[in-house]
Amino acid sequence: MLVSQILKSKADDGVVTVMPGTPVAQVAEVLSSRRIGAVIVSPDGKRVAGIVSERDIVRELGKRGPSCLTEAVDTLMTAKIISCKREETTHSVLQKMTDGRFRHMPVMEGDEMVGLISIGDVVKSRLMELAAEKDALEGMIKGF
């Protein structure tokens, strides 16, 4: 399955972004209220300056305590982003996520973000693929 197919199957809520300079506490509120695991840090909703996840915030809280909540998200976001393109396969995306040990990946077209996929999205699509393959093989064996 391709990343473009995953994007089509997702509810079109768009990508949740925050502006550079947003306080970490506000980012945590966005993550909590939207029930999501990561947000993109972007000055315009299209260019990616970084990504911050709930794990990033918890790690920083564990290291430095609640004082980090008043700082700008820029201080703890991941600025070196690994992204994918619409035409990439779920196999390549899963490999990148596994190798990099992260769960969210922006989908890019040139310098512009067109979506965000999570490991849950990719796993769901792989399970659908495997179920379809299983059904096809059973059909072949049973002579359907």
N, C-alpha and C. Protein backbone atom coordinates (compact mmCIF):
# COMPACT_ATOMS: atom_id res chain seq x y z
N MET A 1 0.85 -1.18 0.00
CA MET A 1 0.00 0.00 0.00
C MET A 1 0.90 1.25 0.00
N LEU A 2 0.39 2.29 -0.60
CA LEU A 2 1.15 3.54 -0.69
C LEU A 2 0.68 4.54 0.37
N VAL A 3 1.56 5.47 0.70
CA VAL A 3 1.24 6.52 1.66
C VAL A 3 0.03 7.32 1.19
N SER A 4 -0.10 7.55 -0.11
CA SER A 4 -1.25 8.29 -0.63
C SER A 4 -2.56 7.61 -0.28
N GLN A 5 -2.57 6.27 -0.27
CA GLN A 5 -3.78 5.53 0.08
C GLN A 5 -4.09 5.67 1.58
N ILE A 6 -3.06 5.71 2.40
CA ILE A 6 -3.26 5.92 3.84
C ILE A 6 -3.88 7.29 4.07
N LEU A 7 -3.35 8.30 3.39
CA LEU A 7 -3.87 9.67 3.57
C LEU A 7 -5.34 9.75 3.16
N LYS A 8 -5.71 9.06 2.09
CA LYS A 8 -7.11 9.08 1.63
C LYS A 8 -8.04 8.42 2.64
N SER A 9 -7.54 7.42 3.36
CA SER A 9 -8.39 6.69 4.30
C SER A 9 -8.55 7.41 5.64
N LYS A 10 -7.71 8.40 5.90
CA LYS A 10 -7.78 9.13 7.16
C LYS A 10 -8.88 10.19 7.11
N ALA A 11 -9.47 10.46 8.28
CA ALA A 11 -10.42 11.58 8.37
C ALA A 11 -9.66 12.85 8.01
N ASP A 12 -10.26 13.72 7.23
CA ASP A 12 -9.55 14.90 6.75
C ASP A 12 -9.64 16.05 7.75
N ASP A 13 -8.99 15.88 8.89
CA ASP A 13 -8.94 16.95 9.90
C ASP A 13 -7.75 17.88 9.65
N GLY A 14 -6.93 17.54 8.68
CA GLY A 14 -5.72 18.31 8.44
C GLY A 14 -4.67 17.96 9.48
N VAL A 15 -3.52 18.57 9.35
CA VAL A 15 -2.42 18.33 10.28
C VAL A 15 -2.47 19.40 11.35
N VAL A 16 -2.38 18.97 12.60
CA VAL A 16 -2.37 19.92 13.71
C VAL A 16 -0.97 20.50 13.82
N THR A 17 -0.91 21.82 13.79
CA THR A 17 0.39 22.51 13.88
C THR A 17 0.35 23.54 14.99
N VAL A 18 1.53 23.89 15.47
CA VAL A 18 1.70 25.00 16.40
C VAL A 18 2.80 25.89 15.85
N MET A 19 2.74 27.14 16.22
CA MET A 19 3.75 28.11 15.76
C MET A 19 5.04 27.94 16.56
N PRO A 20 6.18 28.20 15.93
CA PRO A 20 7.42 28.26 16.71
C PRO A 20 7.24 29.29 17.83
N GLY A 21 7.82 29.01 18.96
CA GLY A 21 7.69 29.93 20.10
C GLY A 21 6.53 29.61 21.02
N THR A 22 5.66 28.70 20.63
CA THR A 22 4.52 28.32 21.47
C THR A 22 5.04 27.68 22.76
N PRO A 23 4.51 28.08 23.92
CA PRO A 23 4.95 27.46 25.17
C PRO A 23 4.65 25.95 25.19
N VAL A 24 5.55 25.19 25.78
CA VAL A 24 5.39 23.73 25.85
C VAL A 24 4.08 23.36 26.54
N ALA A 25 3.68 24.10 27.57
CA ALA A 25 2.43 23.82 28.27
C ALA A 25 1.24 23.92 27.32
N GLN A 26 1.26 24.89 26.43
CA GLN A 26 0.17 25.04 25.45
C GLN A 26 0.17 23.88 24.46
N VAL A 27 1.35 23.43 24.07
CA VAL A 27 1.46 22.28 23.17
C VAL A 27 0.88 21.04 23.85
N ALA A 28 1.19 20.86 25.14
CA ALA A 28 0.65 19.73 25.89
C ALA A 28 -0.88 19.79 25.94
N GLU A 29 -1.43 20.99 26.09
CA GLU A 29 -2.89 21.15 26.08
C GLU A 29 -3.48 20.74 24.73
N VAL A 30 -2.83 21.13 23.65
CA VAL A 30 -3.30 20.77 22.31
C VAL A 30 -3.28 19.25 22.13
N LEU A 31 -2.18 18.63 22.53
CA LEU A 31 -2.07 17.18 22.41
C LEU A 31 -3.18 16.48 23.20
N SER A 32 -3.41 16.97 24.41
CA SER A 32 -4.42 16.37 25.28
C SER A 32 -5.83 16.58 24.75
N SER A 33 -6.15 17.81 24.39
CA SER A 33 -7.52 18.11 23.95
C SER A 33 -7.85 17.46 22.61
N ARG A 34 -6.87 17.33 21.73
CA ARG A 34 -7.11 16.72 20.42
C ARG A 34 -6.93 15.20 20.44
N ARG A 35 -6.40 14.69 21.57
CA ARG A 35 -6.15 13.26 21.74
C ARG A 35 -5.23 12.73 20.64
N ILE A 36 -4.10 13.42 20.45
CA ILE A 36 -3.11 13.05 19.44
C ILE A 36 -1.75 12.91 20.11
N GLY A 37 -0.83 12.29 19.42
CA GLY A 37 0.48 12.01 19.99
C GLY A 37 1.58 12.96 19.60
N ALA A 38 1.35 13.79 18.58
CA ALA A 38 2.41 14.71 18.13
C ALA A 38 1.80 15.86 17.35
N VAL A 39 2.52 16.98 17.34
CA VAL A 39 2.14 18.12 16.52
C VAL A 39 3.36 18.57 15.73
N ILE A 40 3.08 19.18 14.61
CA ILE A 40 4.13 19.75 13.77
C ILE A 40 4.32 21.20 14.17
N VAL A 41 5.57 21.60 14.30
CA VAL A 41 5.89 23.01 14.55
C VAL A 41 6.11 23.63 13.18
N SER A 42 5.28 24.64 12.88
CA SER A 42 5.31 25.22 11.53
C SER A 42 4.92 26.69 11.60
N PRO A 43 5.65 27.53 10.89
CA PRO A 43 5.29 28.95 10.87
C PRO A 43 4.06 29.25 10.02
N ASP A 44 3.72 28.34 9.08
CA ASP A 44 2.64 28.64 8.15
C ASP A 44 1.70 27.46 7.87
N GLY A 45 1.88 26.35 8.58
CA GLY A 45 1.03 25.19 8.36
C GLY A 45 1.46 24.32 7.19
N LYS A 46 2.48 24.73 6.47
CA LYS A 46 2.96 23.97 5.31
C LYS A 46 4.43 23.59 5.42
N ARG A 47 5.25 24.52 5.86
CA ARG A 47 6.68 24.23 6.04
C ARG A 47 6.89 23.65 7.43
N VAL A 48 7.74 22.62 7.53
CA VAL A 48 7.97 21.94 8.79
C VAL A 48 9.25 22.45 9.43
N ALA A 49 9.10 23.07 10.61
CA ALA A 49 10.27 23.51 11.37
C ALA A 49 10.71 22.43 12.34
N GLY A 50 9.74 21.60 12.79
CA GLY A 50 10.05 20.53 13.72
C GLY A 50 8.81 19.74 14.07
N ILE A 51 9.00 18.78 14.94
CA ILE A 51 7.89 17.96 15.43
C ILE A 51 8.12 17.73 16.92
N VAL A 52 7.05 17.72 17.66
CA VAL A 52 7.15 17.43 19.10
C VAL A 52 6.04 16.45 19.47
N SER A 53 6.42 15.45 20.25
CA SER A 53 5.46 14.42 20.66
C SER A 53 5.25 14.47 22.16
N GLU A 54 4.23 13.76 22.60
CA GLU A 54 3.98 13.69 24.04
C GLU A 54 5.18 13.05 24.73
N ARG A 55 5.82 12.11 24.10
CA ARG A 55 7.02 11.48 24.68
C ARG A 55 8.14 12.49 24.87
N ASP A 56 8.31 13.40 23.90
CA ASP A 56 9.34 14.44 24.04
C ASP A 56 9.08 15.27 25.29
N ILE A 57 7.82 15.63 25.49
CA ILE A 57 7.46 16.47 26.64
C ILE A 57 7.67 15.70 27.94
N VAL A 58 7.24 14.46 27.99
CA VAL A 58 7.40 13.66 29.21
C VAL A 58 8.88 13.45 29.53
N ARG A 59 9.69 13.18 28.52
CA ARG A 59 11.13 13.01 28.73
C ARG A 59 11.74 14.26 29.35
N GLU A 60 11.36 15.41 28.81
CA GLU A 60 11.91 16.67 29.31
C GLU A 60 11.42 16.96 30.72
N LEU A 61 10.15 16.65 31.00
CA LEU A 61 9.63 16.81 32.36
C LEU A 61 10.41 15.94 33.34
N GLY A 62 10.71 14.73 32.92
CA GLY A 62 11.48 13.82 33.78
C GLY A 62 12.89 14.31 34.04
N LYS A 63 13.49 14.93 33.04
CA LYS A 63 14.86 15.44 33.18
C LYS A 63 14.93 16.73 33.99
N ARG A 64 14.03 17.67 33.67
CA ARG A 64 14.18 19.02 34.22
C ARG A 64 13.03 19.49 35.09
N GLY A 65 11.96 18.72 35.13
CA GLY A 65 10.83 19.13 35.95
C GLY A 65 9.92 20.10 35.21
N PRO A 66 8.91 20.62 35.92
CA PRO A 66 7.87 21.44 35.28
C PRO A 66 8.35 22.78 34.72
N SER A 67 9.57 23.19 35.01
CA SER A 67 10.06 24.47 34.48
C SER A 67 10.11 24.47 32.95
N CYS A 68 10.24 23.30 32.34
CA CYS A 68 10.31 23.23 30.88
C CYS A 68 8.98 23.60 30.23
N LEU A 69 7.89 23.58 30.99
CA LEU A 69 6.58 23.88 30.42
C LEU A 69 6.42 25.33 30.00
N THR A 70 7.22 26.21 30.57
CA THR A 70 7.14 27.62 30.22
C THR A 70 8.02 27.99 29.04
N GLU A 71 8.87 27.08 28.63
CA GLU A 71 9.80 27.34 27.51
C GLU A 71 9.08 27.20 26.17
N ALA A 72 9.72 27.73 25.15
CA ALA A 72 9.19 27.62 23.78
C ALA A 72 9.37 26.19 23.28
N VAL A 73 8.43 25.73 22.50
CA VAL A 73 8.46 24.38 21.95
C VAL A 73 9.74 24.14 21.16
N ASP A 74 10.31 25.19 20.62
CA ASP A 74 11.54 25.09 19.82
C ASP A 74 12.68 24.45 20.60
N THR A 75 12.66 24.55 21.94
CA THR A 75 13.76 24.04 22.76
C THR A 75 13.75 22.53 22.86
N LEU A 76 12.61 21.88 22.62
CA LEU A 76 12.60 20.43 22.74
C LEU A 76 12.06 19.69 21.52
N MET A 77 11.67 20.43 20.49
CA MET A 77 11.19 19.76 19.27
C MET A 77 12.35 19.08 18.55
N THR A 78 12.02 18.10 17.76
CA THR A 78 12.99 17.48 16.87
C THR A 78 13.01 18.30 15.60
N ALA A 79 14.16 18.90 15.31
CA ALA A 79 14.26 19.78 14.14
C ALA A 79 14.71 19.03 12.89
N LYS A 80 15.43 17.92 13.07
CA LYS A 80 15.87 17.14 11.92
C LYS A 80 14.77 16.11 11.62
N ILE A 81 13.94 16.44 10.65
CA ILE A 81 12.75 15.67 10.36
C ILE A 81 13.02 14.62 9.29
N ILE A 82 12.54 13.42 9.55
CA ILE A 82 12.55 12.38 8.53
C ILE A 82 11.11 12.31 8.02
N SER A 83 10.97 12.48 6.73
CA SER A 83 9.63 12.54 6.13
C SER A 83 9.50 11.47 5.06
N CYS A 84 8.32 11.41 4.48
CA CYS A 84 8.08 10.50 3.37
C CYS A 84 7.30 11.23 2.28
N LYS A 85 7.14 10.56 1.17
CA LYS A 85 6.37 11.10 0.04
C LYS A 85 5.15 10.22 -0.18
N ARG A 86 4.16 10.78 -0.88
CA ARG A 86 2.92 10.05 -1.14
C ARG A 86 3.14 8.71 -1.84
N GLU A 87 4.16 8.64 -2.70
CA GLU A 87 4.36 7.43 -3.50
C GLU A 87 5.18 6.35 -2.79
N GLU A 88 5.58 6.59 -1.54
CA GLU A 88 6.33 5.57 -0.79
C GLU A 88 5.39 4.47 -0.31
N THR A 89 5.97 3.30 -0.09
CA THR A 89 5.18 2.15 0.38
C THR A 89 5.16 2.10 1.90
N THR A 90 4.19 1.35 2.41
CA THR A 90 4.12 1.16 3.87
C THR A 90 5.37 0.45 4.38
N HIS A 91 5.94 -0.42 3.57
CA HIS A 91 7.16 -1.12 3.98
C HIS A 91 8.29 -0.13 4.26
N SER A 92 8.51 0.81 3.34
CA SER A 92 9.61 1.76 3.52
C SER A 92 9.35 2.70 4.69
N VAL A 93 8.09 3.10 4.87
CA VAL A 93 7.75 3.99 5.98
C VAL A 93 7.95 3.29 7.31
N LEU A 94 7.49 2.04 7.41
CA LEU A 94 7.69 1.28 8.65
C LEU A 94 9.17 1.11 8.95
N GLN A 95 9.96 0.89 7.92
CA GLN A 95 11.40 0.74 8.13
C GLN A 95 12.02 2.03 8.67
N LYS A 96 11.65 3.16 8.10
CA LYS A 96 12.16 4.45 8.58
C LYS A 96 11.75 4.70 10.03
N MET A 97 10.48 4.41 10.35
CA MET A 97 9.99 4.64 11.71
C MET A 97 10.69 3.72 12.70
N THR A 98 10.90 2.48 12.31
CA THR A 98 11.58 1.52 13.19
C THR A 98 13.03 1.92 13.39
N ASP A 99 13.72 2.22 12.31
CA ASP A 99 15.13 2.60 12.40
C ASP A 99 15.32 3.87 13.23
N GLY A 100 14.43 4.85 13.03
CA GLY A 100 14.56 6.13 13.74
C GLY A 100 13.90 6.15 15.10
N ARG A 101 13.15 5.12 15.43
CA ARG A 101 12.45 5.01 16.71
C ARG A 101 11.51 6.18 16.95
N PHE A 102 10.67 6.46 15.96
CA PHE A 102 9.65 7.50 16.11
C PHE A 102 8.33 6.98 15.55
N ARG A 103 7.24 7.68 15.88
CA ARG A 103 5.91 7.18 15.57
C ARG A 103 5.09 8.07 14.64
N HIS A 104 5.60 9.24 14.29
CA HIS A 104 4.85 10.17 13.44
C HIS A 104 5.77 10.68 12.34
N MET A 105 5.20 10.80 11.13
CA MET A 105 6.03 11.22 10.00
C MET A 105 5.24 12.15 9.08
N PRO A 106 5.80 13.33 8.82
CA PRO A 106 5.16 14.23 7.85
C PRO A 106 5.28 13.66 6.44
N VAL A 107 4.23 13.88 5.67
CA VAL A 107 4.23 13.51 4.25
C VAL A 107 4.48 14.80 3.48
N MET A 108 5.50 14.79 2.65
CA MET A 108 5.92 16.01 1.98
C MET A 108 5.76 15.90 0.47
N GLU A 109 5.48 17.04 -0.13
CA GLU A 109 5.53 17.22 -1.58
C GLU A 109 6.44 18.41 -1.79
N GLY A 110 7.68 18.13 -2.17
CA GLY A 110 8.68 19.20 -2.23
C GLY A 110 8.95 19.70 -0.82
N ASP A 111 8.83 21.01 -0.63
CA ASP A 111 9.05 21.61 0.69
C ASP A 111 7.76 21.79 1.48
N GLU A 112 6.65 21.29 0.94
CA GLU A 112 5.35 21.52 1.55
C GLU A 112 4.78 20.24 2.16
N MET A 113 4.31 20.35 3.40
CA MET A 113 3.69 19.22 4.08
C MET A 113 2.27 19.04 3.57
N VAL A 114 1.93 17.80 3.21
CA VAL A 114 0.58 17.51 2.71
C VAL A 114 -0.18 16.56 3.63
N GLY A 115 0.47 16.09 4.68
CA GLY A 115 -0.20 15.19 5.61
C GLY A 115 0.74 14.73 6.69
N LEU A 116 0.20 13.98 7.62
CA LEU A 116 0.97 13.40 8.72
C LEU A 116 0.43 12.00 8.96
N ILE A 117 1.31 11.02 9.00
CA ILE A 117 0.87 9.66 9.29
C ILE A 117 1.54 9.16 10.57
N SER A 118 0.85 8.28 11.24
CA SER A 118 1.38 7.69 12.47
C SER A 118 1.67 6.22 12.23
N ILE A 119 2.40 5.64 13.15
CA ILE A 119 2.69 4.22 13.04
C ILE A 119 1.38 3.42 13.10
N GLY A 120 0.40 3.93 13.84
CA GLY A 120 -0.90 3.27 13.89
C GLY A 120 -1.57 3.24 12.52
N ASP A 121 -1.48 4.34 11.79
CA ASP A 121 -2.03 4.39 10.43
C ASP A 121 -1.37 3.35 9.53
N VAL A 122 -0.05 3.25 9.64
CA VAL A 122 0.72 2.35 8.78
C VAL A 122 0.43 0.89 9.14
N VAL A 123 0.40 0.60 10.44
CA VAL A 123 0.11 -0.77 10.88
C VAL A 123 -1.30 -1.18 10.44
N LYS A 124 -2.26 -0.29 10.60
CA LYS A 124 -3.64 -0.58 10.17
C LYS A 124 -3.68 -0.93 8.68
N SER A 125 -2.96 -0.16 7.87
CA SER A 125 -2.97 -0.43 6.43
C SER A 125 -2.28 -1.75 6.11
N ARG A 126 -1.21 -2.07 6.83
CA ARG A 126 -0.52 -3.35 6.61
C ARG A 126 -1.42 -4.51 6.99
N LEU A 127 -2.18 -4.37 8.09
CA LEU A 127 -3.09 -5.44 8.50
C LEU A 127 -4.18 -5.65 7.44
N MET A 128 -4.66 -4.56 6.86
CA MET A 128 -5.66 -4.68 5.79
C MET A 128 -5.06 -5.41 4.58
N GLU A 129 -3.82 -5.07 4.25
CA GLU A 129 -3.14 -5.74 3.13
C GLU A 129 -2.99 -7.24 3.39
N LEU A 130 -2.56 -7.57 4.61
CA LEU A 130 -2.35 -8.98 4.96
C LEU A 130 -3.66 -9.75 4.95
N ALA A 131 -4.74 -9.13 5.42
CA ALA A 131 -6.06 -9.79 5.39
C ALA A 131 -6.50 -10.04 3.96
N ALA A 132 -6.27 -9.08 3.07
CA ALA A 132 -6.63 -9.25 1.66
C ALA A 132 -5.81 -10.36 1.02
N GLU A 133 -4.51 -10.43 1.33
CA GLU A 133 -3.66 -11.50 0.80
C GLU A 133 -4.12 -12.86 1.30
N LYS A 134 -4.46 -12.94 2.59
CA LYS A 134 -4.95 -14.19 3.18
C LYS A 134 -6.21 -14.64 2.47
N ASP A 135 -7.16 -13.72 2.28
CA ASP A 135 -8.41 -14.07 1.60
C ASP A 135 -8.15 -14.55 0.17
N ALA A 136 -7.23 -13.89 -0.52
CA ALA A 136 -6.91 -14.29 -1.90
C ALA A 136 -6.29 -15.68 -1.93
N LEU A 137 -5.39 -15.96 -1.00
CA LEU A 137 -4.76 -17.28 -0.95
C LEU A 137 -5.77 -18.36 -0.60
N GLU A 138 -6.64 -18.07 0.36
CA GLU A 138 -7.70 -19.03 0.71
C GLU A 138 -8.60 -19.30 -0.49
N GLY A 139 -8.93 -18.26 -1.22
CA GLY A 139 -9.75 -18.41 -2.42
C GLY A 139 -9.07 -19.29 -3.46
N MET A 140 -7.78 -19.10 -3.62
CA MET A 140 -7.03 -19.92 -4.59
C MET A 140 -7.02 -21.39 -4.15
N ILE A 141 -6.79 -21.60 -2.86
CA ILE A 141 -6.71 -22.98 -2.35
C ILE A 141 -8.06 -23.68 -2.44
N LYS A 142 -9.12 -22.94 -2.11
CA LYS A 142 -10.46 -23.51 -2.11
C LYS A 142 -11.08 -23.53 -3.51
N GLY A 143 -10.43 -22.88 -4.44
CA GLY A 143 -10.90 -22.90 -5.82
C GLY A 143 -12.00 -21.89 -6.11
N PHE A 144 -12.04 -20.79 -5.40
CA PHE A 144 -13.05 -19.74 -5.64
C PHE A 144 -12.61 -18.82 -6.73
